[in-house]
C-alpha atoms as a PDB file:
ATOM      1  CA  MET A   1      17.438  22.579  17.373  1.00  0.00           C
ATOM      2  CA  ALA A   2      17.409  19.391  15.268  1.00  0.00           C
ATOM      3  CA  ILE A   3      14.109  18.433  13.655  1.00  0.00           C
ATOM      4  CA  LEU A   4      13.544  15.304  15.755  1.00  0.00           C
ATOM      5  CA  GLU A   5      14.504  17.130  18.937  1.00  0.00           C
ATOM      6  CA  ARG A   6      12.092  19.949  18.130  1.00  0.00           C
ATOM      7  CA  VAL A   7       9.261  17.502  17.354  1.00  0.00           C
ATOM      8  CA  ASN A   8       9.828  15.674  20.644  1.00  0.00           C
ATOM      9  CA  HIS A   9       9.802  18.994  22.499  1.00  0.00           C
ATOM     10  CA  ASP A  10       6.546  19.989  20.790  1.00  0.00           C
ATOM     11  CA  LEU A  11       5.016  16.591  21.601  1.00  0.00           C
ATOM     12  CA  GLY A  12       5.861  16.938  25.286  1.00  0.00           C
ATOM     13  CA  GLU A  13       4.569  20.512  25.452  1.00  0.00           C
ATOM     14  CA  PHE A  14       1.381  19.603  23.584  1.00  0.00           C
ATOM     15  CA  LEU A  15       0.576  16.763  25.979  1.00  0.00           C
ATOM     16  CA  ARG A  16       1.425  18.868  29.020  1.00  0.00           C
ATOM     17  CA  THR A  17      -0.821  21.724  27.918  1.00  0.00           C
ATOM     18  CA  ARG A  18      -3.652  19.280  27.179  1.00  0.00           C
ATOM     19  CA  ARG A  19      -3.222  17.668  30.615  1.00  0.00           C
ATOM     20  CA  ALA A  20      -3.375  21.086  32.242  1.00  0.00           C
ATOM     21  CA  ARG A  21      -6.832  21.854  30.897  1.00  0.00           C
ATOM     22  CA  VAL A  22      -8.476  18.622  32.164  1.00  0.00           C
ATOM     23  CA  ARG A  23      -9.689  18.888  35.750  1.00  0.00           C
ATOM     24  CA  PRO A  24      -9.567  15.709  37.859  1.00  0.00           C
ATOM     25  CA  ASP A  25     -13.279  15.851  38.604  1.00  0.00           C
ATOM     26  CA  ASP A  26     -13.955  15.975  34.845  1.00  0.00           C
ATOM     27  CA  VAL A  27     -12.709  12.385  34.601  1.00  0.00           C
ATOM     28  CA  GLY A  28     -14.068  11.045  37.889  1.00  0.00           C
ATOM     29  CA  LEU A  29     -11.014  11.641  40.068  1.00  0.00           C
ATOM     30  CA  PRO A  30     -11.017  13.445  43.413  1.00  0.00           C
ATOM     31  CA  GLY A  31      -9.908  17.022  42.930  1.00  0.00           C
ATOM     32  CA  GLY A  32      -8.928  17.854  46.506  1.00  0.00           C
ATOM     33  CA  GLY A  33      -5.451  18.458  47.837  1.00  0.00           C
ATOM     34  CA  ARG A  34      -2.686  20.787  46.772  1.00  0.00           C
ATOM     35  CA  ARG A  35      -1.389  20.484  43.197  1.00  0.00           C
ATOM     36  CA  ARG A  36       1.838  21.939  41.893  1.00  0.00           C
ATOM     37  CA  VAL A  37       0.385  22.155  38.387  1.00  0.00           C
ATOM     38  CA  PRO A  38      -3.193  22.443  37.121  1.00  0.00           C
ATOM     39  CA  GLY A  39      -5.005  19.547  35.503  1.00  0.00           C
ATOM     40  CA  LEU A  40      -4.097  15.880  35.482  1.00  0.00           C
ATOM     41  CA  ARG A  41      -0.868  14.468  36.804  1.00  0.00           C
ATOM     42  CA  ARG A  42       1.060  12.043  34.586  1.00  0.00           C
ATOM     43  CA  GLU A  43       0.234   9.224  36.994  1.00  0.00           C
ATOM     44  CA  GLU A  44      -3.484   9.944  36.750  1.00  0.00           C
ATOM     45  CA  LEU A  45      -3.462  10.107  32.970  1.00  0.00           C
ATOM     46  CA  ALA A  46      -1.513   6.856  32.727  1.00  0.00           C
ATOM     47  CA  LEU A  47      -3.991   5.135  35.049  1.00  0.00           C
ATOM     48  CA  LEU A  48      -7.009   6.323  33.073  1.00  0.00           C
ATOM     49  CA  ALA A  49      -5.388   5.448  29.724  1.00  0.00           C
ATOM     50  CA  GLY A  50      -4.423   1.955  30.911  1.00  0.00           C
ATOM     51  CA  VAL A  51      -0.651   2.286  30.508  1.00  0.00           C
ATOM     52  CA  SER A  52       2.223   2.357  32.966  1.00  0.00           C
ATOM     53  CA  VAL A  53       3.500   5.673  34.277  1.00  0.00           C
ATOM     54  CA  ASP A  54       6.938   4.909  32.829  1.00  0.00           C
ATOM     55  CA  TYR A  55       5.459   4.253  29.386  1.00  0.00           C
ATOM     56  CA  TYR A  56       3.456   7.477  29.431  1.00  0.00           C
ATOM     57  CA  MET A  57       6.502   9.471  30.527  1.00  0.00           C
ATOM     58  CA  ARG A  58       8.464   8.034  27.622  1.00  0.00           C
ATOM     59  CA  LEU A  59       5.582   8.970  25.313  1.00  0.00           C
ATOM     60  CA  GLU A  60       5.731  12.579  26.538  1.00  0.00           C
ATOM     61  CA  GLN A  61       9.469  12.557  25.906  1.00  0.00           C
ATOM     62  CA  GLY A  62       9.078  11.257  22.359  1.00  0.00           C
ATOM     63  CA  ARG A  63      10.776   7.938  23.153  1.00  0.00           C
ATOM     64  CA  THR A  64       7.979   5.631  21.954  1.00  0.00           C
ATOM     65  CA  PRO A  65       8.152   5.707  18.124  1.00  0.00           C
ATOM     66  CA  SER A  66       6.209   2.449  17.843  1.00  0.00           C
ATOM     67  CA  VAL A  67       3.307   3.484  20.072  1.00  0.00           C
ATOM     68  CA  SER A  68       0.095   1.763  19.012  1.00  0.00           C
ATOM     69  CA  ASP A  69      -3.068   3.435  17.764  1.00  0.00           C
ATOM     70  CA  ALA A  70      -4.911   1.941  20.746  1.00  0.00           C
ATOM     71  CA  VAL A  71      -2.643   3.754  23.211  1.00  0.00           C
ATOM     72  CA  LEU A  72      -2.886   7.047  21.310  1.00  0.00           C
ATOM     73  CA  ASP A  73      -6.679   6.718  21.210  1.00  0.00           C
ATOM     74  CA  ALA A  74      -6.770   6.026  24.947  1.00  0.00           C
ATOM     75  CA  VAL A  75      -4.608   9.061  25.726  1.00  0.00           C
ATOM     76  CA  ALA A  76      -6.692  11.218  23.372  1.00  0.00           C
ATOM     77  CA  ARG A  77      -9.895  10.032  25.058  1.00  0.00           C
ATOM     78  CA  VAL A  78      -8.651  10.908  28.547  1.00  0.00           C
ATOM     79  CA  LEU A  79      -7.412  14.311  27.355  1.00  0.00           C
ATOM     80  CA  ARG A  80     -10.706  14.917  25.520  1.00  0.00           C
ATOM     81  CA  LEU A  81      -8.959  15.793  22.272  1.00  0.00           C
ATOM     82  CA  ASP A  82     -11.067  16.769  19.287  1.00  0.00           C
ATOM     83  CA  GLU A  83     -10.431  15.291  15.842  1.00  0.00           C
ATOM     84  CA  THR A  84      -7.958  18.004  14.847  1.00  0.00           C
ATOM     85  CA  GLU A  85      -6.003  17.567  18.074  1.00  0.00           C
ATOM     86  CA  ARG A  86      -5.985  13.782  17.619  1.00  0.00           C
ATOM     87  CA  ALA A  87      -4.522  14.184  14.133  1.00  0.00           C
ATOM     88  CA  HIS A  88      -1.939  16.626  15.494  1.00  0.00           C
ATOM     89  CA  LEU A  89      -0.947  14.139  18.201  1.00  0.00           C
ATOM     90  CA  ARG A  90      -0.420  11.425  15.591  1.00  0.00           C
ATOM     91  CA  ASN A  91       1.691  13.775  13.490  1.00  0.00           C
ATOM     92  CA  LEU A  92       3.901  14.595  16.455  1.00  0.00           C
ATOM     93  CA  VAL A  93       4.309  10.966  17.504  1.00  0.00           C
ATOM     94  CA  ARG A  94       4.992   9.808  13.933  1.00  0.00           C
ATOM     95  CA  PRO A  95       6.567  12.767  12.137  1.00  0.00           C
ATOM     96  CA  HIS A  96       6.806  12.601   8.375  1.00  0.00           C
ATOM     97  CA  ARG A  97      10.172  11.898   6.856  1.00  0.00           C
ATOM     98  CA  PRO A  98      12.061  15.002   5.717  1.00  0.00           C
ATOM     99  CA  ARG A  99      10.943  16.100   2.281  1.00  0.00           C
ATOM    100  CA  LYS A 100      11.959  18.693  -0.243  1.00  0.00           C
ATOM    101  CA  HIS A 101       9.658  21.686   0.064  1.00  0.00           C
ATOM    102  CA  VAL A 102       8.942  23.306  -3.276  1.00  0.00           C
ATOM    103  CA  PRO A 103       6.985  26.524  -3.888  1.00  0.00           C
ATOM    104  CA  GLN A 104       3.260  25.980  -4.197  1.00  0.00           C
ATOM    105  CA  ARG A 105       1.856  26.726  -7.629  1.00  0.00           C
ATOM    106  CA  ILE A 106      -1.630  27.769  -8.675  1.00  0.00           C
ATOM    107  CA  ARG A 107      -3.189  26.092 -11.688  1.00  0.00           C
ATOM    108  CA  PRO A 108      -4.311  28.469 -14.477  1.00  0.00           C
ATOM    109  CA  GLY A 109      -7.825  27.083 -14.202  1.00  0.00           C
ATOM    110  CA  LEU A 110      -7.983  28.025 -10.526  1.00  0.00           C
ATOM    111  CA  ARG A 111      -6.890  31.557 -11.333  1.00  0.00           C
ATOM    112  CA  ARG A 112      -9.652  31.809 -13.926  1.00  0.00           C
ATOM    113  CA  LEU A 113     -12.140  30.527 -11.359  1.00  0.00           C
ATOM    114  CA  LEU A 114     -11.081  33.272  -8.956  1.00  0.00           C
ATOM    115  CA  ASP A 115     -11.527  35.940 -11.627  1.00  0.00           C
ATOM    116  CA  MET A 116     -15.021  34.645 -12.445  1.00  0.00           C
ATOM    117  CA  MET A 117     -16.110  35.257  -8.827  1.00  0.00           C
ATOM    118  CA  GLU A 118     -16.676  38.973  -9.345  1.00  0.00           C
ATOM    119  CA  HIS A 119     -19.142  39.622  -6.527  1.00  0.00           C
ATOM    120  CA  THR A 120     -17.453  37.924  -3.602  1.00  0.00           C
ATOM    121  CA  PRO A 121     -13.927  38.133  -2.155  1.00  0.00           C
ATOM    122  CA  ALA A 122     -12.025  34.905  -2.749  1.00  0.00           C
ATOM    123  CA  PHE A 123      -8.409  33.818  -2.460  1.00  0.00           C
ATOM    124  CA  VAL A 124      -6.251  30.704  -2.371  1.00  0.00           C
ATOM    125  CA  LEU A 125      -4.630  29.917   0.965  1.00  0.00           C
ATOM    126  CA  GLY A 126      -1.582  27.698   1.026  1.00  0.00           C
ATOM    127  CA  ARG A 127       0.967  26.497   3.567  1.00  0.00           C
ATOM    128  CA  ARG A 128       2.168  28.778   6.396  1.00  0.00           C
ATOM    129  CA  THR A 129      -0.944  30.969   5.821  1.00  0.00           C
ATOM    130  CA  ASP A 130       0.541  32.164   2.514  1.00  0.00           C
ATOM    131  CA  VAL A 131      -2.082  33.729   0.248  1.00  0.00           C
ATOM    132  CA  LEU A 132      -1.124  32.419  -3.190  1.00  0.00           C
ATOM    133  CA  ALA A 133      -3.675  34.153  -5.420  1.00  0.00           C
ATOM    134  CA  TRP A 134      -6.770  36.338  -5.111  1.00  0.00           C
ATOM    135  CA  ASN A 135      -9.524  37.972  -7.111  1.00  0.00           C
ATOM    136  CA  ALA A 136     -10.164  41.687  -7.499  1.00  0.00           C
ATOM    137  CA  LEU A 137     -12.620  42.012  -4.613  1.00  0.00           C
ATOM    138  CA  ALA A 138     -10.339  40.163  -2.179  1.00  0.00           C
ATOM    139  CA  GLY A 139      -7.548  42.462  -3.346  1.00  0.00           C
ATOM    140  CA  ALA A 140      -9.700  45.469  -2.508  1.00  0.00           C
ATOM    141  CA  LEU A 141     -10.692  44.031   0.868  1.00  0.00           C
ATOM    142  CA  TYR A 142      -7.147  43.261   2.014  1.00  0.00           C
ATOM    143  CA  ASN A 143      -5.371  45.891  -0.104  1.00  0.00           C
ATOM    144  CA  PHE A 144      -3.356  43.132  -1.763  1.00  0.00           C
ATOM    145  CA  ASN A 145      -2.735  45.344  -4.758  1.00  0.00           C
ATOM    146  CA  SER A 146      -0.411  47.584  -2.716  1.00  0.00           C
ATOM    147  CA  LEU A 147       2.015  44.727  -2.096  1.00  0.00           C
ATOM    148  CA  ASP A 148       5.526  44.818  -3.444  1.00  0.00           C
ATOM    149  CA  SER A 149       5.315  41.092  -4.290  1.00  0.00           C
ATOM    150  CA  ASP A 150       2.722  38.576  -5.426  1.00  0.00           C
ATOM    151  CA  MET A 151       2.723  36.853  -2.026  1.00  0.00           C
ATOM    152  CA  PHE A 152       0.830  37.796   1.127  1.00  0.00           C
ATOM    153  CA  ASN A 153       1.202  36.026   4.464  1.00  0.00           C
ATOM    154  CA  ALA A 154      -1.863  36.223   6.700  1.00  0.00           C
ATOM    155  CA  ALA A 155       0.025  35.509   9.921  1.00  0.00           C
ATOM    156  CA  ARG A 156       2.641  38.182   9.287  1.00  0.00           C
ATOM    157  CA  HIS A 157      -0.133  40.642   8.439  1.00  0.00           C
ATOM    158  CA  ALA A 158      -2.179  39.831  11.555  1.00  0.00           C
ATOM    159  CA  PHE A 159       0.719  40.317  13.970  1.00  0.00           C
ATOM    160  CA  LEU A 160       3.095  42.778  12.334  1.00  0.00           C
ATOM    161  CA  ASP A 161       0.928  45.131  10.267  1.00  0.00           C
ATOM    162  CA  PRO A 162       0.236  48.223  12.436  1.00  0.00           C
ATOM    163  CA  ASP A 163      -3.283  48.527  11.005  1.00  0.00           C
ATOM    164  CA  ALA A 164      -4.291  44.894  11.603  1.00  0.00           C
ATOM    165  CA  ARG A 165      -5.889  45.470  15.010  1.00  0.00           C
ATOM    166  CA  ARG A 166      -8.213  48.027  13.454  1.00  0.00           C
ATOM    167  CA  PHE A 167      -8.799  46.060  10.269  1.00  0.00           C
ATOM    168  CA  TYR A 168      -9.894  42.919  12.161  1.00  0.00           C
ATOM    169  CA  ARG A 169     -12.642  43.983  14.543  1.00  0.00           C
ATOM    170  CA  ASP A 170     -12.317  40.528  16.168  1.00  0.00           C
ATOM    171  CA  TRP A 171      -8.510  40.663  16.234  1.00  0.00           C
ATOM    172  CA  PRO A 172      -8.022  38.495  19.381  1.00  0.00           C
ATOM    173  CA  THR A 173      -9.963  35.678  17.703  1.00  0.00           C
ATOM    174  CA  VAL A 174      -8.102  36.123  14.416  1.00  0.00           C
ATOM    175  CA  ALA A 175      -4.771  36.086  16.265  1.00  0.00           C
ATOM    176  CA  ALA A 176      -5.565  32.909  18.222  1.00  0.00           C
ATOM    177  CA  ASP A 177      -6.940  31.109  15.171  1.00  0.00           C
ATOM    178  CA  THR A 178      -3.955  32.099  13.037  1.00  0.00           C
ATOM    179  CA  VAL A 179      -1.460  30.717  15.542  1.00  0.00           C
ATOM    180  CA  ALA A 180      -3.473  27.501  15.915  1.00  0.00           C
ATOM    181  CA  VAL A 181      -3.460  27.021  12.131  1.00  0.00           C
ATOM    182  CA  LEU A 182       0.318  27.520  12.066  1.00  0.00           C
ATOM    183  CA  ARG A 183       0.723  24.991  14.905  1.00  0.00           C
ATOM    184  CA  LEU A 184      -1.218  22.402  12.931  1.00  0.00           C
ATOM    185  CA  ASP A 185       0.939  23.078   9.876  1.00  0.00           C
ATOM    186  CA  ALA A 186       4.085  22.717  11.978  1.00  0.00           C
ATOM    187  CA  GLY A 187       2.935  19.284  13.128  1.00  0.00           C
ATOM    188  CA  ARG A 188       2.353  18.191   9.542  1.00  0.00           C
ATOM    189  CA  HIS A 189       5.622  19.650   8.227  1.00  0.00           C
ATOM    190  CA  PRO A 190       8.165  19.775  11.066  1.00  0.00           C
ATOM    191  CA  ASP A 191      11.050  19.996   8.595  1.00  0.00           C
ATOM    192  CA  ASP A 192       9.879  23.137   6.773  1.00  0.00           C
ATOM    193  CA  PRO A 193      12.587  25.823   7.121  1.00  0.00           C
ATOM    194  CA  ARG A 194      10.338  28.634   5.862  1.00  0.00           C
ATOM    195  CA  LEU A 195       7.722  27.848   8.486  1.00  0.00           C
ATOM    196  CA  ALA A 196      10.388  27.715  11.193  1.00  0.00           C
ATOM    197  CA  ALA A 197      11.709  31.086  10.025  1.00  0.00           C
ATOM    198  CA  LEU A 198       8.211  32.611  10.077  1.00  0.00           C
ATOM    199  CA  VAL A 199       7.527  31.344  13.600  1.00  0.00           C
ATOM    200  CA  GLY A 200      10.909  32.630  14.730  1.00  0.00           C
ATOM    201  CA  GLU A 201      10.287  36.059  13.229  1.00  0.00           C
ATOM    202  CA  LEU A 202       6.832  36.414  14.784  1.00  0.00           C
ATOM    203  CA  SER A 203       8.036  35.112  18.147  1.00  0.00           C
ATOM    204  CA  MET A 204      10.788  37.720  18.284  1.00  0.00           C
ATOM    205  CA  LYS A 205       8.610  40.625  17.166  1.00  0.00           C
ATOM    206  CA  ASP A 206       5.266  40.065  18.891  1.00  0.00           C
ATOM    207  CA  GLU A 207       4.610  39.131  22.520  1.00  0.00           C
ATOM    208  CA  THR A 208       1.034  38.031  21.853  1.00  0.00           C
ATOM    209  CA  PHE A 209       2.261  35.572  19.244  1.00  0.00           C
ATOM    210  CA  ARG A 210       4.791  34.137  21.705  1.00  0.00           C
ATOM    211  CA  THR A 211       2.086  33.666  24.331  1.00  0.00           C
ATOM    212  CA  LEU A 212      -0.336  31.997  21.927  1.00  0.00           C
ATOM    213  CA  TRP A 213       2.363  29.784  20.389  1.00  0.00           C
ATOM    214  CA  ALA A 214       3.230  28.423  23.849  1.00  0.00           C
ATOM    215  CA  GLN A 215      -0.389  27.281  24.318  1.00  0.00           C
ATOM    216  CA  HIS A 216      -0.055  24.627  21.573  1.00  0.00           C
ATOM    217  CA  ALA A 217      -3.628  25.054  20.331  1.00  0.00           C
ATOM    218  CA  VAL A 218      -4.360  23.579  16.887  1.00  0.00           C
ATOM    219  CA  LEU A 219      -7.180  24.398  14.482  1.00  0.00           C
ATOM    220  CA  GLU A 220      -8.413  23.199  11.099  1.00  0.00           C
ATOM    221  CA  LYS A 221     -10.309  26.119   9.623  1.00  0.00           C
ATOM    222  CA  THR A 222     -13.335  25.067   7.587  1.00  0.00           C
ATOM    223  CA  HIS A 223     -15.896  27.845   7.950  1.00  0.00           C
ATOM    224  CA  GLY A 224     -16.820  30.732  10.187  1.00  0.00           C
ATOM    225  CA  SER A 225     -17.201  34.493  10.208  1.00  0.00           C
ATOM    226  CA  LYS A 226     -14.915  37.511  10.323  1.00  0.00           C
ATOM    227  CA  LEU A 227     -15.557  41.109  11.261  1.00  0.00           C
ATOM    228  CA  PHE A 228     -13.620  43.699   9.293  1.00  0.00           C
ATOM    229  CA  HIS A 229     -13.308  47.462   9.354  1.00  0.00           C
ATOM    230  CA  HIS A 230     -12.348  48.607   5.886  1.00  0.00           C
ATOM    231  CA  PRO A 231     -10.887  52.133   5.680  1.00  0.00           C
ATOM    232  CA  VAL A 232     -13.089  53.005   2.673  1.00  0.00           C
ATOM    233  CA  VAL A 233     -16.470  51.283   3.135  1.00  0.00           C
ATOM    234  CA  GLY A 234     -16.535  50.715   6.899  1.00  0.00           C
ATOM    235  CA  ASP A 235     -17.635  47.637   8.824  1.00  0.00           C
ATOM    236  CA  LEU A 236     -18.078  44.327   7.019  1.00  0.00           C
ATOM    237  CA  ASP A 237     -19.562  41.197   8.642  1.00  0.00           C
ATOM    238  CA  LEU A 238     -18.569  38.307   6.379  1.00  0.00           C
ATOM    239  CA  ASP A 239     -19.027  34.550   6.529  1.00  0.00           C
ATOM    240  CA  TYR A 240     -16.372  32.352   4.988  1.00  0.00           C
ATOM    241  CA  GLU A 241     -15.993  28.824   3.658  1.00  0.00           C
ATOM    242  CA  MET A 242     -12.628  27.097   3.286  1.00  0.00           C
ATOM    243  CA  LEU A 243     -12.918  24.673   0.371  1.00  0.00           C
ATOM    244  CA  ALA A 244     -10.271  21.946   0.134  1.00  0.00           C
ATOM    245  CA  LEU A 245      -8.946  21.461  -3.387  1.00  0.00           C
ATOM    246  CA  PRO A 246      -8.675  17.879  -4.690  1.00  0.00           C
ATOM    247  CA  GLY A 247      -5.138  16.684  -5.164  1.00  0.00           C
ATOM    248  CA  ASP A 248      -3.491  19.135  -2.771  1.00  0.00           C
ATOM    249  CA  PRO A 249      -4.373  18.905   0.953  1.00  0.00           C
ATOM    250  CA  ASP A 250      -2.285  22.007   1.691  1.00  0.00           C
ATOM    251  CA  VAL A 251      -4.280  24.369  -0.519  1.00  0.00           C
ATOM    252  CA  ASN A 252      -7.738  25.791   0.199  1.00  0.00           C
ATOM    253  CA  LEU A 253     -10.052  28.161  -1.621  1.00  0.00           C
ATOM    254  CA  ALA A 254     -11.361  30.789   0.817  1.00  0.00           C
ATOM    255  CA  VAL A 255     -14.650  32.417  -0.171  1.00  0.00           C
ATOM    256  CA  TYR A 256     -16.320  35.258   1.752  1.00  0.00           C
ATOM    257  CA  THR A 257     -20.053  35.882   1.518  1.00  0.00           C
ATOM    258  CA  ALA A 258     -22.483  38.437   2.924  1.00  0.00           C
ATOM    259  CA  LYS A 259     -26.055  37.825   3.999  1.00  0.00           C
ATOM    260  CA  GLU A 260     -28.573  38.818   1.352  1.00  0.00           C
ATOM    261  CA  GLY A 261     -29.998  42.270   1.940  1.00  0.00           C
ATOM    262  CA  SER A 262     -27.509  43.090   4.694  1.00  0.00           C
ATOM    263  CA  PRO A 263     -25.553  46.347   5.001  1.00  0.00           C
ATOM    264  CA  THR A 264     -22.413  44.314   4.284  1.00  0.00           C
ATOM    265  CA  GLU A 265     -23.807  43.150   0.942  1.00  0.00           C
ATOM    266  CA  GLU A 266     -24.319  46.782  -0.080  1.00  0.00           C
ATOM    267  CA  ARG A 267     -20.878  47.758   1.181  1.00  0.00           C
ATOM    268  CA  LEU A 268     -19.274  44.968  -0.846  1.00  0.00           C
ATOM    269  CA  ARG A 269     -20.873  46.456  -3.957  1.00  0.00           C
ATOM    270  CA  LEU A 270     -19.473  49.843  -2.986  1.00  0.00           C
ATOM    271  CA  LEU A 271     -16.068  48.254  -2.426  1.00  0.00           C
ATOM    272  CA  ALA A 272     -16.158  46.663  -5.873  1.00  0.00           C
ATOM    273  CA  SER A 273     -17.088  50.010  -7.460  1.00  0.00           C
ATOM    274  CA  TRP A 274     -14.338  51.806  -5.554  1.00  0.00           C
ATOM    275  CA  ALA A 275     -11.746  49.213  -6.563  1.00  0.00           C
ATOM    276  CA  ALA A 276     -12.806  49.471 -10.223  1.00  0.00           C
ATOM    277  CA  SER A 277     -12.464  53.265 -10.139  1.00  0.00           C
ATOM    278  CA  VAL A 278      -8.994  53.020  -8.564  1.00  0.00           C
ATOM    279  CA  ASP A 279      -7.835  50.538 -11.198  1.00  0.00           C
ATOM    280  CA  ALA A 280      -9.317  52.528 -14.067  1.00  0.00           C
END
């Protein structure tokens, strides 16, 4: 599928899935009567957004490249899109021109910063959920050091690693969030062949991924919590912060922390000691 054709398909599917989740009575419309599909009809959305039905249909089909910000804002308002979804809609309507995708590089100073963070797991997350670098404690947490290469992909791990559903105690949440992050990346970089290959691989090999991908959810991860079960030290309840790095919007520093005095804080110390003994 050509890039523009794929973007137009994704735009139509995104708008259709967003329409499906808005009930008529949520926006002041009568909800009675039989409906072939859930949510708002195209005619209803067009009316509420103040555009003609024909214009909205062309928007869903990707045939309005010069659509105004006012129209996009009106559609986003009716569909109750959050800020991340609004940005995704703009990316789909106005896709970036094809660009040459080069491997992401980590500055030496950033690697030194990772190594200085001895008491907390930290890693650098790049495009396509590629983990580009990590410190010793993150390596012990995720078992990065057993990899055959210096690259780890979080999406591939979450869906294809047979131990992932035990490792992530909140695996359904991790799975949904991972797919939503990939969807957002796909909207920003529709011409990325490596991302297309990753999505194709996961779609073929995992039914849950296929189901989640079809939902067109998008997510910008900034902070939250994750529940792990590590095979050596047991359960870990960690909070994380995703820190954007100046000069590169596609790279984030992920830092995990444990609450002071918690069992997880003690288990992180045990994990660090275990990792040091293994490496010795």
